[in-house]
């Protein structure tokens, strides 16, 4: 009897219920390599667009002009999203919910988002008192927010729409998800937050480095909210809200654009999930074996 039992094949695992899809697992190295690819892609795409503009206009392009900065931001957004989709596509056919663009329970998501943003402002206020600095980000001026009404509107859209959507799809929907295949929540969130902070550094002196901790903290909190809700929409809303507050404070007349654009983005983050597939449930971390 024992010998017969040993010769039997192991019982088959139960089949996955029909219609239920497996959440794809992206190896942790996707995060680092993906970031390098996205960074390189941004430079190449920006150079290509600038070259086309120079050929059409018949002259050199001012790399410090708002137009150049806007093109760079758009190129970065395209590079971020394209890179995430490309790497995800090497595992399985990408779907929106793979990147966190999915439904979630409304009130818990709203609560976690509110807790996250309040926590960020509270900790940042303490940090500002302990580490005072005159350094500030000049992205609003770089985007041409001070170049009339049109410039103010375009810069506001870049800050409150393009940046939150593209950066969250890449950094939380892809980068963090890949890190979670190997690292704990806090380790993955810390790495994600650090890189997120670095890309927002303006390289304008040592004092500007004092802005990195709050930026890294913001990225860290975004990861935690994404982890708790399983959806990217609360995080995009948080990102847009924070950028709207910053835009209102930094740009002359920016509060008007913030009051117009910010609520629209947040409302979209509340309504869009109603029309998207929920996916098979919140993605659970799957730790790959160390090779």
C-alpha atoms as a PDB file:
ATOM      1  CA  UNK A   1       0.000   0.000   0.000  1.00  0.00           C
ATOM      2  CA  UNK A   2       2.788   2.437   0.940  1.00  0.00           C
ATOM      3  CA  UNK A   3       4.721   1.722  -2.247  1.00  0.00           C
ATOM      4  CA  UNK A   4       1.619   2.151  -4.334  1.00  0.00           C
ATOM      5  CA  UNK A   5       0.876   5.479  -2.693  1.00  0.00           C
ATOM      6  CA  UNK A   6       4.426   6.717  -3.286  1.00  0.00           C
ATOM      7  CA  UNK A   7       4.145   5.890  -6.970  1.00  0.00           C
ATOM      8  CA  UNK A   8       0.998   7.923  -7.394  1.00  0.00           C
ATOM      9  CA  UNK A   9       1.296  11.360  -8.968  1.00  0.00           C
ATOM     10  CA  UNK A  10       0.668  14.277  -6.582  1.00  0.00           C
ATOM     11  CA  UNK A  11      -2.894  15.565  -6.600  1.00  0.00           C
ATOM     12  CA  UNK A  12      -3.558  18.329  -9.057  1.00  0.00           C
ATOM     13  CA  UNK A  13      -4.060  21.818  -7.707  1.00  0.00           C
ATOM     14  CA  UNK A  14      -7.595  23.161  -8.026  1.00  0.00           C
ATOM     15  CA  UNK A  15      -8.127  25.132 -11.183  1.00  0.00           C
ATOM     16  CA  UNK A  16      -8.431  28.889 -10.991  1.00  0.00           C
ATOM     17  CA  UNK A  17     -12.091  29.892 -11.244  1.00  0.00           C
ATOM     18  CA  UNK A  18     -13.095  30.755 -14.763  1.00  0.00           C
ATOM     19  CA  UNK A  19     -12.792  34.449 -15.534  1.00  0.00           C
ATOM     20  CA  UNK A  20     -10.448  35.212 -12.624  1.00  0.00           C
ATOM     21  CA  UNK A  21      -7.098  36.584 -13.773  1.00  0.00           C
ATOM     22  CA  UNK A  22      -3.822  36.291 -11.957  1.00  0.00           C
ATOM     23  CA  UNK A  23      -2.169  39.524 -10.862  1.00  0.00           C
ATOM     24  CA  UNK A  24       1.098  39.709 -12.830  1.00  0.00           C
ATOM     25  CA  UNK A  25       4.346  39.654 -10.871  1.00  0.00           C
ATOM     26  CA  UNK A  26       7.070  42.018 -12.039  1.00  0.00           C
ATOM     27  CA  UNK A  27      10.618  41.282 -10.819  1.00  0.00           C
ATOM     28  CA  UNK A  28      12.249  43.930  -8.644  1.00  0.00           C
ATOM     29  CA  UNK A  29      14.932  44.698 -11.226  1.00  0.00           C
ATOM     30  CA  UNK A  30      12.193  46.088 -13.487  1.00  0.00           C
ATOM     31  CA  UNK A  31      12.133  49.143 -11.187  1.00  0.00           C
ATOM     32  CA  UNK A  32      15.776  50.195 -11.558  1.00  0.00           C
ATOM     33  CA  UNK A  33      16.172  49.273 -15.204  1.00  0.00           C
ATOM     34  CA  UNK A  34      12.793  50.759 -16.031  1.00  0.00           C
ATOM     35  CA  UNK A  35      13.782  54.052 -14.434  1.00  0.00           C
ATOM     36  CA  UNK A  36      16.997  54.206 -16.477  1.00  0.00           C
ATOM     37  CA  UNK A  37      15.085  53.410 -19.660  1.00  0.00           C
ATOM     38  CA  UNK A  38      12.464  56.071 -18.881  1.00  0.00           C
ATOM     39  CA  UNK A  39      15.162  58.644 -18.107  1.00  0.00           C
ATOM     40  CA  UNK A  40      17.007  57.872 -21.341  1.00  0.00           C
ATOM     41  CA  UNK A  41      13.755  57.871 -23.277  1.00  0.00           C
ATOM     42  CA  UNK A  42      12.913  61.308 -21.915  1.00  0.00           C
ATOM     43  CA  UNK A  43      16.232  62.721 -23.133  1.00  0.00           C
ATOM     44  CA  UNK A  44      15.935  61.112 -26.566  1.00  0.00           C
ATOM     45  CA  UNK A  45      12.314  62.107 -27.091  1.00  0.00           C
ATOM     46  CA  UNK A  46      12.972  65.666 -25.945  1.00  0.00           C
ATOM     47  CA  UNK A  47      15.963  65.924 -28.293  1.00  0.00           C
ATOM     48  CA  UNK A  48      13.874  64.582 -31.162  1.00  0.00           C
ATOM     49  CA  UNK A  49      11.044  67.041 -30.583  1.00  0.00           C
ATOM     50  CA  UNK A  50      13.455  69.956 -30.164  1.00  0.00           C
ATOM     51  CA  UNK A  51      15.238  68.946 -33.360  1.00  0.00           C
ATOM     52  CA  UNK A  52      11.950  68.880 -35.251  1.00  0.00           C
ATOM     53  CA  UNK A  53      11.000  72.273 -33.831  1.00  0.00           C
ATOM     54  CA  UNK A  54      14.384  73.735 -34.791  1.00  0.00           C
ATOM     55  CA  UNK A  55      14.050  72.401 -38.335  1.00  0.00           C
ATOM     56  CA  UNK A  56      10.533  73.769 -38.731  1.00  0.00           C
ATOM     57  CA  UNK A  57      11.275  77.157 -37.159  1.00  0.00           C
ATOM     58  CA  UNK A  58      14.662  77.442 -38.819  1.00  0.00           C
ATOM     59  CA  UNK A  59      16.668  78.363 -35.744  1.00  0.00           C
ATOM     60  CA  UNK A  60      18.018  77.254 -32.399  1.00  0.00           C
ATOM     61  CA  UNK A  61      15.655  76.392 -29.558  1.00  0.00           C
ATOM     62  CA  UNK A  62      16.163  78.112 -26.216  1.00  0.00           C
ATOM     63  CA  UNK A  63      16.558  75.248 -23.753  1.00  0.00           C
ATOM     64  CA  UNK A  64      15.604  77.542 -20.869  1.00  0.00           C
ATOM     65  CA  UNK A  65      12.355  78.716 -22.423  1.00  0.00           C
ATOM     66  CA  UNK A  66       8.967  77.624 -21.019  1.00  0.00           C
ATOM     67  CA  UNK A  67       8.202  75.943 -24.336  1.00  0.00           C
ATOM     68  CA  UNK A  68      11.231  73.690 -23.997  1.00  0.00           C
ATOM     69  CA  UNK A  69      10.362  72.839 -20.383  1.00  0.00           C
ATOM     70  CA  UNK A  70       6.771  71.994 -21.338  1.00  0.00           C
ATOM     71  CA  UNK A  71       8.002  69.722 -24.132  1.00  0.00           C
ATOM     72  CA  UNK A  72      10.364  68.059 -21.653  1.00  0.00           C
ATOM     73  CA  UNK A  73       7.538  67.446 -19.166  1.00  0.00           C
ATOM     74  CA  UNK A  74       5.342  65.949 -21.874  1.00  0.00           C
ATOM     75  CA  UNK A  75       8.224  63.807 -23.139  1.00  0.00           C
ATOM     76  CA  UNK A  76       8.880  62.599 -19.605  1.00  0.00           C
ATOM     77  CA  UNK A  77       5.232  61.672 -19.167  1.00  0.00           C
ATOM     78  CA  UNK A  78       5.203  59.705 -22.408  1.00  0.00           C
ATOM     79  CA  UNK A  79       8.492  57.997 -21.506  1.00  0.00           C
ATOM     80  CA  UNK A  80       7.279  57.065 -18.014  1.00  0.00           C
ATOM     81  CA  UNK A  81       4.000  55.536 -19.164  1.00  0.00           C
ATOM     82  CA  UNK A  82       5.484  53.854 -22.250  1.00  0.00           C
ATOM     83  CA  UNK A  83       8.282  52.294 -20.209  1.00  0.00           C
ATOM     84  CA  UNK A  84       5.851  50.938 -17.626  1.00  0.00           C
ATOM     85  CA  UNK A  85       3.622  49.445 -20.318  1.00  0.00           C
ATOM     86  CA  UNK A  86       6.589  47.993 -22.221  1.00  0.00           C
ATOM     87  CA  UNK A  87       8.111  46.201 -19.245  1.00  0.00           C
ATOM     88  CA  UNK A  88       4.724  44.985 -18.044  1.00  0.00           C
ATOM     89  CA  UNK A  89       4.107  43.650 -21.544  1.00  0.00           C
ATOM     90  CA  UNK A  90       7.118  41.350 -21.295  1.00  0.00           C
ATOM     91  CA  UNK A  91       5.265  39.417 -18.567  1.00  0.00           C
ATOM     92  CA  UNK A  92       1.695  39.484 -19.861  1.00  0.00           C
ATOM     93  CA  UNK A  93      -0.604  41.703 -21.861  1.00  0.00           C
ATOM     94  CA  UNK A  94      -0.880  44.921 -19.816  1.00  0.00           C
ATOM     95  CA  UNK A  95      -4.246  46.020 -18.515  1.00  0.00           C
ATOM     96  CA  UNK A  96      -5.205  49.183 -16.683  1.00  0.00           C
ATOM     97  CA  UNK A  97      -5.791  47.418 -13.369  1.00  0.00           C
ATOM     98  CA  UNK A  98      -2.257  45.974 -13.453  1.00  0.00           C
ATOM     99  CA  UNK A  99      -1.057  49.524 -12.736  1.00  0.00           C
ATOM    100  CA  UNK A 100      -3.641  50.235 -10.062  1.00  0.00           C
ATOM    101  CA  UNK A 101      -6.173  51.926 -12.345  1.00  0.00           C
ATOM    102  CA  UNK A 102      -9.025  50.020 -10.760  1.00  0.00           C
ATOM    103  CA  UNK A 103     -12.031  50.336  -8.494  1.00  0.00           C
ATOM    104  CA  UNK A 104     -11.756  50.559  -4.740  1.00  0.00           C
ATOM    105  CA  UNK A 105     -14.180  51.092  -1.871  1.00  0.00           C
ATOM    106  CA  UNK A 106     -14.957  54.822  -1.939  1.00  0.00           C
ATOM    107  CA  UNK A 107     -15.027  55.808   1.738  1.00  0.00           C
ATOM    108  CA  UNK A 108     -11.982  53.793   2.845  1.00  0.00           C
ATOM    109  CA  UNK A 109     -10.042  55.173  -0.130  1.00  0.00           C
ATOM    110  CA  UNK A 110     -11.099  58.717   0.733  1.00  0.00           C
ATOM    111  CA  UNK A 111     -10.170  58.171   4.370  1.00  0.00           C
ATOM    112  CA  UNK A 112      -6.709  56.801   3.607  1.00  0.00           C
ATOM    113  CA  UNK A 113      -6.058  59.611   1.126  1.00  0.00           C
ATOM    114  CA  UNK A 114      -7.112  62.243   3.669  1.00  0.00           C
ATOM    115  CA  UNK A 115      -5.008  60.643   6.397  1.00  0.00           C
ATOM    116  CA  UNK A 116      -2.026  60.490   4.064  1.00  0.00           C
ATOM    117  CA  UNK A 117      -2.156  64.109   2.949  1.00  0.00           C
ATOM    118  CA  UNK A 118      -2.792  65.437   6.472  1.00  0.00           C
ATOM    119  CA  UNK A 119       0.111  63.354   7.800  1.00  0.00           C
ATOM    120  CA  UNK A 120       2.379  64.730   5.088  1.00  0.00           C
ATOM    121  CA  UNK A 121       1.537  68.351   5.864  1.00  0.00           C
ATOM    122  CA  UNK A 122       1.877  67.776   9.607  1.00  0.00           C
ATOM    123  CA  UNK A 123       5.307  66.141   9.357  1.00  0.00           C
ATOM    124  CA  UNK A 124       6.479  68.659   6.760  1.00  0.00           C
ATOM    125  CA  UNK A 125       5.435  71.550   9.011  1.00  0.00           C
ATOM    126  CA  UNK A 126       7.562  70.136  11.827  1.00  0.00           C
ATOM    127  CA  UNK A 127      10.478  69.585   9.426  1.00  0.00           C
ATOM    128  CA  UNK A 128      10.224  73.169   8.162  1.00  0.00           C
ATOM    129  CA  UNK A 129      10.450  74.518  11.701  1.00  0.00           C
ATOM    130  CA  UNK A 130      13.423  72.318  12.558  1.00  0.00           C
ATOM    131  CA  UNK A 131      15.207  72.761   9.213  1.00  0.00           C
ATOM    132  CA  UNK A 132      14.373  76.237   7.861  1.00  0.00           C
ATOM    133  CA  UNK A 133      15.442  76.981   4.291  1.00  0.00           C
ATOM    134  CA  UNK A 134      14.894  79.635   1.652  1.00  0.00           C
ATOM    135  CA  UNK A 135      15.152  77.080  -1.154  1.00  0.00           C
ATOM    136  CA  UNK A 136      12.045  76.386  -3.204  1.00  0.00           C
ATOM    137  CA  UNK A 137      11.122  74.631  -6.403  1.00  0.00           C
ATOM    138  CA  UNK A 138      10.977  76.932  -9.404  1.00  0.00           C
ATOM    139  CA  UNK A 139       9.032  74.626 -11.689  1.00  0.00           C
ATOM    140  CA  UNK A 140       6.073  76.997 -12.024  1.00  0.00           C
ATOM    141  CA  UNK A 141       8.269  79.771 -13.414  1.00  0.00           C
ATOM    142  CA  UNK A 142      10.171  77.303 -15.586  1.00  0.00           C
ATOM    143  CA  UNK A 143       6.857  76.242 -17.143  1.00  0.00           C
ATOM    144  CA  UNK A 144       5.957  79.847 -17.912  1.00  0.00           C
ATOM    145  CA  UNK A 145       3.355  80.477 -15.219  1.00  0.00           C
ATOM    146  CA  UNK A 146       4.390  84.135 -15.171  1.00  0.00           C
ATOM    147  CA  UNK A 147       3.961  84.564 -18.948  1.00  0.00           C
ATOM    148  CA  UNK A 148       0.374  85.778 -19.034  1.00  0.00           C
ATOM    149  CA  UNK A 149      -2.937  83.971 -18.645  1.00  0.00           C
ATOM    150  CA  UNK A 150      -2.217  81.299 -21.259  1.00  0.00           C
ATOM    151  CA  UNK A 151       1.108  80.463 -19.651  1.00  0.00           C
ATOM    152  CA  UNK A 152      -0.551  80.300 -16.241  1.00  0.00           C
ATOM    153  CA  UNK A 153      -3.181  77.860 -17.524  1.00  0.00           C
ATOM    154  CA  UNK A 154      -0.743  75.629 -19.432  1.00  0.00           C
ATOM    155  CA  UNK A 155       1.656  75.458 -16.497  1.00  0.00           C
ATOM    156  CA  UNK A 156      -1.240  74.594 -14.193  1.00  0.00           C
ATOM    157  CA  UNK A 157      -2.345  71.734 -16.431  1.00  0.00           C
ATOM    158  CA  UNK A 158       1.212  70.391 -16.534  1.00  0.00           C
ATOM    159  CA  UNK A 159       1.493  70.540 -12.747  1.00  0.00           C
ATOM    160  CA  UNK A 160      -1.962  69.304 -11.760  1.00  0.00           C
ATOM    161  CA  UNK A 161      -2.862  66.896 -14.570  1.00  0.00           C
ATOM    162  CA  UNK A 162       0.092  65.628 -16.592  1.00  0.00           C
ATOM    163  CA  UNK A 163       2.592  65.207 -13.748  1.00  0.00           C
ATOM    164  CA  UNK A 164       0.274  63.438 -11.253  1.00  0.00           C
ATOM    165  CA  UNK A 165      -1.082  60.962 -13.803  1.00  0.00           C
ATOM    166  CA  UNK A 166       2.207  60.065 -15.508  1.00  0.00           C
ATOM    167  CA  UNK A 167       4.293  59.980 -12.325  1.00  0.00           C
ATOM    168  CA  UNK A 168       1.797  57.876 -10.381  1.00  0.00           C
ATOM    169  CA  UNK A 169       1.414  55.323 -13.156  1.00  0.00           C
ATOM    170  CA  UNK A 170       5.185  54.918 -13.249  1.00  0.00           C
ATOM    171  CA  UNK A 171       6.314  55.357  -9.648  1.00  0.00           C
ATOM    172  CA  UNK A 172       3.468  53.715  -7.780  1.00  0.00           C
ATOM    173  CA  UNK A 173       1.693  51.653 -10.431  1.00  0.00           C
ATOM    174  CA  UNK A 174       4.907  50.172 -11.865  1.00  0.00           C
ATOM    175  CA  UNK A 175       8.078  51.037  -9.917  1.00  0.00           C
ATOM    176  CA  UNK A 176       6.666  50.320  -6.451  1.00  0.00           C
ATOM    177  CA  UNK A 177       4.766  47.240  -7.639  1.00  0.00           C
ATOM    178  CA  UNK A 178       7.988  45.789  -9.022  1.00  0.00           C
ATOM    179  CA  UNK A 179       9.898  46.483  -5.793  1.00  0.00           C
ATOM    180  CA  UNK A 180       7.148  44.797  -3.769  1.00  0.00           C
ATOM    181  CA  UNK A 181       7.901  41.491  -5.470  1.00  0.00           C
ATOM    182  CA  UNK A 182      11.063  41.352  -3.367  1.00  0.00           C
ATOM    183  CA  UNK A 183      10.964  43.975  -0.616  1.00  0.00           C
ATOM    184  CA  UNK A 184       8.717  44.722   2.337  1.00  0.00           C
ATOM    185  CA  UNK A 185       6.174  47.542   2.237  1.00  0.00           C
ATOM    186  CA  UNK A 186       8.407  49.986   4.085  1.00  0.00           C
ATOM    187  CA  UNK A 187      11.595  49.119   2.192  1.00  0.00           C
ATOM    188  CA  UNK A 188       9.874  49.366  -1.191  1.00  0.00           C
ATOM    189  CA  UNK A 189       8.115  52.602  -0.220  1.00  0.00           C
ATOM    190  CA  UNK A 190      11.379  54.101   1.066  1.00  0.00           C
ATOM    191  CA  UNK A 191      13.248  53.274  -2.155  1.00  0.00           C
ATOM    192  CA  UNK A 192      10.381  54.560  -4.245  1.00  0.00           C
ATOM    193  CA  UNK A 193      10.153  57.757  -2.220  1.00  0.00           C
ATOM    194  CA  UNK A 194      13.892  58.379  -2.473  1.00  0.00           C
ATOM    195  CA  UNK A 195      13.923  58.113  -6.266  1.00  0.00           C
ATOM    196  CA  UNK A 196      10.732  60.166  -6.470  1.00  0.00           C
ATOM    197  CA  UNK A 197      12.392  62.899  -4.427  1.00  0.00           C
ATOM    198  CA  UNK A 198      15.582  62.872  -6.489  1.00  0.00           C
ATOM    199  CA  UNK A 199      13.807  63.426  -9.816  1.00  0.00           C
ATOM    200  CA  UNK A 200      12.247  66.578  -8.375  1.00  0.00           C
ATOM    201  CA  UNK A 201      15.602  67.993  -7.244  1.00  0.00           C
ATOM    202  CA  UNK A 202      16.421  71.110  -9.276  1.00  0.00           C
ATOM    203  CA  UNK A 203      20.226  70.930  -8.796  1.00  0.00           C
ATOM    204  CA  UNK A 204      20.371  74.596  -7.779  1.00  0.00           C
ATOM    205  CA  UNK A 205      22.833  74.412  -4.926  1.00  0.00           C
ATOM    206  CA  UNK A 206      23.342  72.468  -1.747  1.00  0.00           C
ATOM    207  CA  UNK A 207      20.522  74.226   0.091  1.00  0.00           C
ATOM    208  CA  UNK A 208      18.024  72.800  -2.375  1.00  0.00           C
ATOM    209  CA  UNK A 209      18.944  69.356  -1.029  1.00  0.00           C
ATOM    210  CA  UNK A 210      16.934  70.273   2.066  1.00  0.00           C
ATOM    211  CA  UNK A 211      13.814  69.924  -0.080  1.00  0.00           C
ATOM    212  CA  UNK A 212      14.520  66.240  -0.735  1.00  0.00           C
ATOM    213  CA  UNK A 213      13.289  64.777   2.594  1.00  0.00           C
ATOM    214  CA  UNK A 214       9.747  66.213   2.258  1.00  0.00           C
ATOM    215  CA  UNK A 215       9.572  65.089  -1.368  1.00  0.00           C
ATOM    216  CA  UNK A 216      10.792  61.603  -0.466  1.00  0.00           C
ATOM    217  CA  UNK A 217       8.263  61.509   2.381  1.00  0.00           C
ATOM    218  CA  UNK A 218       5.492  62.414  -0.048  1.00  0.00           C
ATOM    219  CA  UNK A 219       6.460  59.550  -2.347  1.00  0.00           C
ATOM    220  CA  UNK A 220       6.655  57.214   0.657  1.00  0.00           C
ATOM    221  CA  UNK A 221       3.140  58.168   1.790  1.00  0.00           C
ATOM    222  CA  UNK A 222       1.788  57.763  -1.735  1.00  0.00           C
ATOM    223  CA  UNK A 223       3.067  54.176  -1.680  1.00  0.00           C
ATOM    224  CA  UNK A 224       1.401  53.448   1.655  1.00  0.00           C
ATOM    225  CA  UNK A 225      -1.961  54.773   0.467  1.00  0.00           C
ATOM    226  CA  UNK A 226      -1.671  52.734  -2.728  1.00  0.00           C
ATOM    227  CA  UNK A 227      -0.830  49.671  -0.649  1.00  0.00           C
ATOM    228  CA  UNK A 228      -3.870  50.165   1.598  1.00  0.00           C
ATOM    229  CA  UNK A 229      -6.399  50.951  -1.128  1.00  0.00           C
ATOM    230  CA  UNK A 230      -5.081  48.844  -4.002  1.00  0.00           C
ATOM    231  CA  UNK A 231      -6.029  51.683  -6.346  1.00  0.00           C
ATOM    232  CA  UNK A 232      -3.987  54.423  -7.958  1.00  0.00           C
ATOM    233  CA  UNK A 233      -6.856  56.896  -8.152  1.00  0.00           C
ATOM    234  CA  UNK A 234      -6.699  58.039  -4.505  1.00  0.00           C
ATOM    235  CA  UNK A 235      -2.971  58.636  -4.956  1.00  0.00           C
ATOM    236  CA  UNK A 236      -3.402  60.578  -8.197  1.00  0.00           C
ATOM    237  CA  UNK A 237      -5.974  62.704  -6.382  1.00  0.00           C
ATOM    238  CA  UNK A 238      -3.563  63.306  -3.484  1.00  0.00           C
ATOM    239  CA  UNK A 239      -0.779  64.205  -5.901  1.00  0.00           C
ATOM    240  CA  UNK A 240      -3.014  66.636  -7.782  1.00  0.00           C
ATOM    241  CA  UNK A 241      -4.254  68.186  -4.523  1.00  0.00           C
ATOM    242  CA  UNK A 242      -0.730  68.743  -3.230  1.00  0.00           C
ATOM    243  CA  UNK A 243       0.396  70.225  -6.544  1.00  0.00           C
ATOM    244  CA  UNK A 244      -2.666  72.483  -6.603  1.00  0.00           C
ATOM    245  CA  UNK A 245      -1.801  73.817  -3.150  1.00  0.00           C
ATOM    246  CA  UNK A 246       1.825  74.372  -4.181  1.00  0.00           C
ATOM    247  CA  UNK A 247       0.792  76.032  -7.449  1.00  0.00           C
ATOM    248  CA  UNK A 248      -1.560  78.392  -5.644  1.00  0.00           C
ATOM    249  CA  UNK A 249       1.243  79.386  -3.287  1.00  0.00           C
ATOM    250  CA  UNK A 250       4.070  79.724  -5.816  1.00  0.00           C
ATOM    251  CA  UNK A 251       2.495  81.145  -8.976  1.00  0.00           C
ATOM    252  CA  UNK A 252       1.146  84.688  -9.128  1.00  0.00           C
ATOM    253  CA  UNK A 253      -2.582  84.172  -9.694  1.00  0.00           C
ATOM    254  CA  UNK A 254      -2.093  80.422  -9.464  1.00  0.00           C
ATOM    255  CA  UNK A 255      -4.844  80.028  -6.878  1.00  0.00           C
ATOM    256  CA  UNK A 256      -7.455  80.685  -9.569  1.00  0.00           C
ATOM    257  CA  UNK A 257      -6.114  77.895 -11.765  1.00  0.00           C
ATOM    258  CA  UNK A 258      -5.767  75.616  -8.748  1.00  0.00           C
ATOM    259  CA  UNK A 259      -9.410  76.169  -7.806  1.00  0.00           C
ATOM    260  CA  UNK A 260     -10.473  75.372 -11.373  1.00  0.00           C
ATOM    261  CA  UNK A 261      -8.213  72.460 -12.306  1.00  0.00           C
ATOM    262  CA  UNK A 262      -7.524  70.785  -8.958  1.00  0.00           C
ATOM    263  CA  UNK A 263     -11.158  69.913  -8.119  1.00  0.00           C
ATOM    264  CA  UNK A 264     -11.714  68.624 -11.665  1.00  0.00           C
ATOM    265  CA  UNK A 265      -8.823  66.170 -11.364  1.00  0.00           C
ATOM    266  CA  UNK A 266      -9.964  65.030  -7.921  1.00  0.00           C
ATOM    267  CA  UNK A 267     -13.542  64.595  -9.179  1.00  0.00           C
ATOM    268  CA  UNK A 268     -12.238  62.561 -12.113  1.00  0.00           C
ATOM    269  CA  UNK A 269     -10.340  60.325  -9.685  1.00  0.00           C
ATOM    270  CA  UNK A 270     -13.602  59.718  -7.826  1.00  0.00           C
ATOM    271  CA  UNK A 271     -15.730  59.043 -10.908  1.00  0.00           C
ATOM    272  CA  UNK A 272     -13.350  57.215 -13.264  1.00  0.00           C
ATOM    273  CA  UNK A 273     -13.109  54.018 -11.155  1.00  0.00           C
ATOM    274  CA  UNK A 274     -16.861  53.489 -11.589  1.00  0.00           C
ATOM    275  CA  UNK A 275     -16.255  52.678 -15.248  1.00  0.00           C
ATOM    276  CA  UNK A 276     -13.162  50.503 -14.919  1.00  0.00           C
ATOM    277  CA  UNK A 277     -12.699  46.815 -14.214  1.00  0.00           C
ATOM    278  CA  UNK A 278     -11.992  46.046 -10.593  1.00  0.00           C
ATOM    279  CA  UNK A 279      -9.435  43.328 -11.297  1.00  0.00           C
ATOM    280  CA  UNK A 280      -9.123  40.159  -9.196  1.00  0.00           C
ATOM    281  CA  UNK A 281      -8.652  42.006  -5.916  1.00  0.00           C
ATOM    282  CA  UNK A 282      -5.891  44.001  -4.292  1.00  0.00           C
ATOM    283  CA  UNK A 283      -2.487  42.829  -5.608  1.00  0.00           C
ATOM    284  CA  UNK A 284      -0.740  40.765  -2.980  1.00  0.00           C
ATOM    285  CA  UNK A 285       3.054  40.886  -2.723  1.00  0.00           C
ATOM    286  CA  UNK A 286       4.752  37.858  -4.224  1.00  0.00           C
ATOM    287  CA  UNK A 287       8.379  37.518  -3.169  1.00  0.00           C
ATOM    288  CA  UNK A 288      10.511  35.975  -5.886  1.00  0.00           C
ATOM    289  CA  UNK A 289      13.303  33.591  -4.940  1.00  0.00           C
ATOM    290  CA  UNK A 290      16.712  35.196  -4.647  1.00  0.00           C
ATOM    291  CA  UNK A 291      18.871  33.954  -7.490  1.00  0.00           C
END
